Amino acid sequence: MHLEAIIAEIVDQADDFLAGITDRAAARAAIAQVIDADYFTLSPADQKAVTESVIATLEADEFFGIEFVGDPFSDDGSDRHD
């Protein structure tokens, strides 16, 4: 099976096996368990690549929620006249 197909399949199942998980480390562990159970023939390098791609896809889909760096309501200082 091609890695992209495996990644897509795991992403499609993510709502089920990642229900309630918002921590990326816990998500990585859950994804690793799915890979170990369903795709145990993958090499360690392919397992890592699949895990990273699944996490990246889930992040792009905002699966873990939206994260802001800093205070989104603070003044950015662009109107300051020092």
Protein backbone atom coordinates (compact mmCIF):
# COMPACT_ATOMS: atom_id res chain seq x y z
CA MET A 1 0.00 0.00 0.00
CA HIS A 2 1.29 3.44 -0.91
CA LEU A 3 2.12 5.79 2.02
CA GLU A 4 -0.26 8.52 0.83
CA ALA A 5 -3.13 6.04 0.92
CA ILE A 6 -2.17 4.96 4.44
CA ILE A 7 -1.93 8.58 5.58
CA ALA A 8 -5.35 9.38 4.09
CA GLU A 9 -6.90 6.32 5.74
CA ILE A 10 -5.48 7.19 9.16
CA VAL A 11 -6.58 10.83 8.83
CA ASP A 12 -10.09 9.64 7.89
CA GLN A 13 -10.20 7.49 11.05
CA ALA A 14 -8.71 10.17 13.33
CA ASP A 15 -12.07 11.34 14.68
CA ASP A 16 -12.63 7.87 16.09
CA PHE A 17 -9.29 6.98 17.67
CA LEU A 18 -8.30 10.54 18.64
CA ALA A 19 -11.64 11.49 20.18
CA GLY A 20 -10.98 13.86 23.05
CA ILE A 21 -7.22 14.03 22.47
CA THR A 22 -5.94 17.57 22.01
CA ASP A 23 -2.32 16.98 23.02
CA ARG A 24 -0.04 16.33 20.06
CA ALA A 25 2.22 13.96 22.01
CA ALA A 26 -0.78 11.82 22.97
CA ALA A 27 -2.00 11.98 19.36
CA ARG A 28 1.40 10.80 18.09
CA ALA A 29 1.27 7.86 20.50
CA ALA A 30 -2.25 6.94 19.37
CA ILE A 31 -1.24 7.21 15.71
CA ALA A 32 1.80 4.99 16.40
CA GLN A 33 -0.52 2.38 17.95
CA VAL A 34 -2.73 2.40 14.85
CA ILE A 35 0.32 2.01 12.62
CA ASP A 36 1.69 -0.82 14.78
CA ALA A 37 -1.64 -2.64 14.70
CA ASP A 38 -2.69 -2.09 11.09
CA TYR A 39 0.53 -1.38 9.17
CA PHE A 40 3.15 -3.36 11.08
CA THR A 41 5.02 -4.21 7.88
CA LEU A 42 6.12 -0.59 7.40
CA SER A 43 9.76 0.17 8.05
CA PRO A 44 10.55 2.41 11.03
CA ALA A 45 11.37 5.26 8.62
CA ASP A 46 8.02 4.87 6.86
CA GLN A 47 6.21 4.68 10.21
CA LYS A 48 7.80 7.96 11.24
CA ALA A 49 6.98 9.57 7.89
CA VAL A 50 3.35 8.46 8.13
CA THR A 51 3.04 9.72 11.70
CA GLU A 52 4.51 13.12 10.83
CA SER A 53 2.32 13.45 7.74
CA VAL A 54 -0.82 12.54 9.67
CA ILE A 55 0.00 15.10 12.38
CA ALA A 56 0.74 17.76 9.74
CA THR A 57 -2.53 17.03 7.94
CA LEU A 58 -4.52 17.15 11.16
CA GLU A 59 -2.86 20.44 12.12
CA ALA A 60 -3.66 21.90 8.70
CA ASP A 61 -7.27 20.83 9.20
CA GLU A 62 -7.19 22.49 12.66
CA PHE A 63 -8.02 19.16 14.30
CA PHE A 64 -6.28 20.27 17.48
CA GLY A 65 -7.99 23.68 17.48
CA ILE A 66 -6.68 27.08 16.61
CA GLU A 67 -3.63 28.26 18.49
CA PHE A 68 -2.58 31.85 18.83
CA VAL A 69 0.91 33.01 19.60
CA GLY A 70 0.66 35.90 22.01
CA ASP A 71 -2.48 37.82 22.80
CA PRO A 72 -4.70 38.14 19.72
CA PHE A 73 -6.49 41.11 21.29
CA SER A 74 -3.46 43.14 22.19
CA ASP A 75 -2.38 46.22 20.28
CA ASP A 76 0.42 45.30 17.90
CA GLY A 77 1.99 48.71 18.38
CA SER A 78 1.69 49.79 14.76
CA ASP A 79 -0.17 52.98 15.73
CA ARG A 80 2.36 54.09 18.33
CA HIS A 81 3.94 57.51 18.00
CA ASP A 82 7.06 57.39 20.21
